Amino acid sequence: ILYTGFEDYQDSPWVVSSGSGGVTTLDSFTGSSCYELVVPVSGAWGVLTTTVSVANLNQKYCFNFWYKTPADIETYAEVEISVVGESGFTYPL
């Protein structure tokens, strides 16, 4: 359905809905770029959001991702994926 990252050649569908940040080449797991999500204070949330369109809402789909956080600060990261089907309804996961 969706393979996306933060490489220069990709149009990224991700939106930061909490926190801030930007694309960086300093610590990528795969490829050469990743997104550094910055939260303003310890204990705050950083949230990335995207929407995926599917043809069949009755079919099973698997979504996966990876992220890492700094070891020296208590931060929280959240990824929100909403699925939009043929009926136009959006289902947050």
Protein backbone atom coordinates (compact mmCIF):
# COMPACT_ATOMS: atom_id res chain seq x y z
CA ILE A 1 0.00 0.00 0.00
CA LEU A 2 2.50 2.55 1.17
CA TYR A 3 6.24 2.65 1.39
CA THR A 4 7.50 5.99 2.45
CA GLY A 5 10.40 7.58 4.16
CA PHE A 6 12.13 10.91 4.14
CA GLU A 7 14.50 10.56 1.18
CA ASP A 8 14.90 13.50 -1.22
CA TYR A 9 13.19 11.60 -4.04
CA GLN A 10 10.07 10.75 -2.01
CA ASP A 11 6.97 12.86 -1.51
CA SER A 12 6.38 12.26 2.16
CA PRO A 13 2.74 12.07 3.31
CA TRP A 14 3.71 12.54 6.97
CA VAL A 15 2.55 15.58 8.94
CA VAL A 16 3.84 16.65 12.33
CA SER A 17 0.79 17.24 14.52
CA SER A 18 2.69 17.67 17.80
CA GLY A 19 6.26 18.75 18.32
CA SER A 20 8.54 19.98 15.54
CA GLY A 21 11.55 18.78 13.63
CA GLY A 22 12.85 18.15 10.16
CA VAL A 23 14.60 15.79 7.80
CA THR A 24 18.17 14.95 8.74
CA THR A 25 20.95 12.72 7.42
CA LEU A 26 22.65 12.33 10.81
CA ASP A 27 21.08 9.08 12.05
CA SER A 28 19.19 7.21 9.33
CA PHE A 29 18.37 3.52 9.82
CA THR A 30 17.86 2.82 6.13
CA GLY A 31 18.61 5.09 3.18
CA SER A 32 20.29 8.39 3.82
CA SER A 33 17.59 10.49 5.49
CA CYS A 34 15.24 10.28 8.44
CA TYR A 35 12.92 12.61 10.34
CA GLU A 36 14.08 14.01 13.65
CA LEU A 37 10.99 14.68 15.72
CA VAL A 38 11.75 17.26 18.38
CA VAL A 39 9.64 17.66 21.51
CA PRO A 40 10.11 20.88 23.47
CA VAL A 41 10.41 19.47 26.99
CA SER A 42 11.00 16.17 28.72
CA GLY A 43 7.77 14.22 29.04
CA ALA A 44 6.13 15.87 26.01
CA TRP A 45 4.69 14.07 22.99
CA GLY A 46 5.86 14.15 19.40
CA VAL A 47 3.29 12.98 16.84
CA LEU A 48 3.62 12.12 13.14
CA THR A 49 0.37 11.60 11.21
CA THR A 50 -0.54 10.18 7.78
CA THR A 51 -3.58 8.84 5.93
CA VAL A 52 -3.60 5.74 3.74
CA SER A 53 -6.26 5.01 1.10
CA VAL A 54 -7.27 1.37 0.66
CA ALA A 55 -9.57 -0.30 -1.86
CA ASN A 56 -11.17 -2.77 0.55
CA LEU A 57 -11.91 -1.94 4.18
CA ASN A 58 -12.78 -5.60 4.85
CA GLN A 59 -9.28 -6.79 3.97
CA LYS A 60 -6.57 -7.10 6.62
CA TYR A 61 -3.55 -4.83 6.35
CA CYS A 62 -0.31 -4.70 8.27
CA PHE A 63 1.40 -1.40 9.06
CA ASN A 64 4.83 -1.19 10.59
CA PHE A 65 7.41 1.44 11.31
CA TRP A 66 10.40 1.99 13.50
CA TYR A 67 11.58 4.87 15.60
CA LYS A 68 14.09 5.47 18.33
CA THR A 69 14.31 7.96 21.13
CA PRO A 70 17.29 9.49 22.90
CA ALA A 71 18.43 7.46 25.89
CA ASP A 72 18.98 10.51 28.08
CA ILE A 73 15.54 12.13 27.96
CA GLU A 74 12.02 10.92 28.63
CA THR A 75 10.08 11.64 25.47
CA TYR A 76 7.08 10.02 23.85
CA ALA A 77 6.56 9.42 20.16
CA GLU A 78 3.32 8.50 18.48
CA VAL A 79 2.53 7.55 14.92
CA GLU A 80 -1.07 8.02 13.81
CA ILE A 81 -2.24 6.20 10.68
CA SER A 82 -5.77 6.73 9.41
CA VAL A 83 -7.24 4.40 6.79
CA VAL A 84 -9.68 5.78 4.20
CA GLY A 85 -11.70 3.23 2.24
CA GLU A 86 -14.05 3.21 -0.68
CA SER A 87 -16.83 4.68 1.45
CA GLY A 88 -14.77 7.74 2.32
CA PHE A 89 -14.86 7.07 6.06
CA THR A 90 -11.64 7.49 7.99
CA TYR A 91 -10.62 4.95 10.61
CA PRO A 92 -7.77 5.92 12.95
CA LEU A 93 -5.54 3.02 13.98
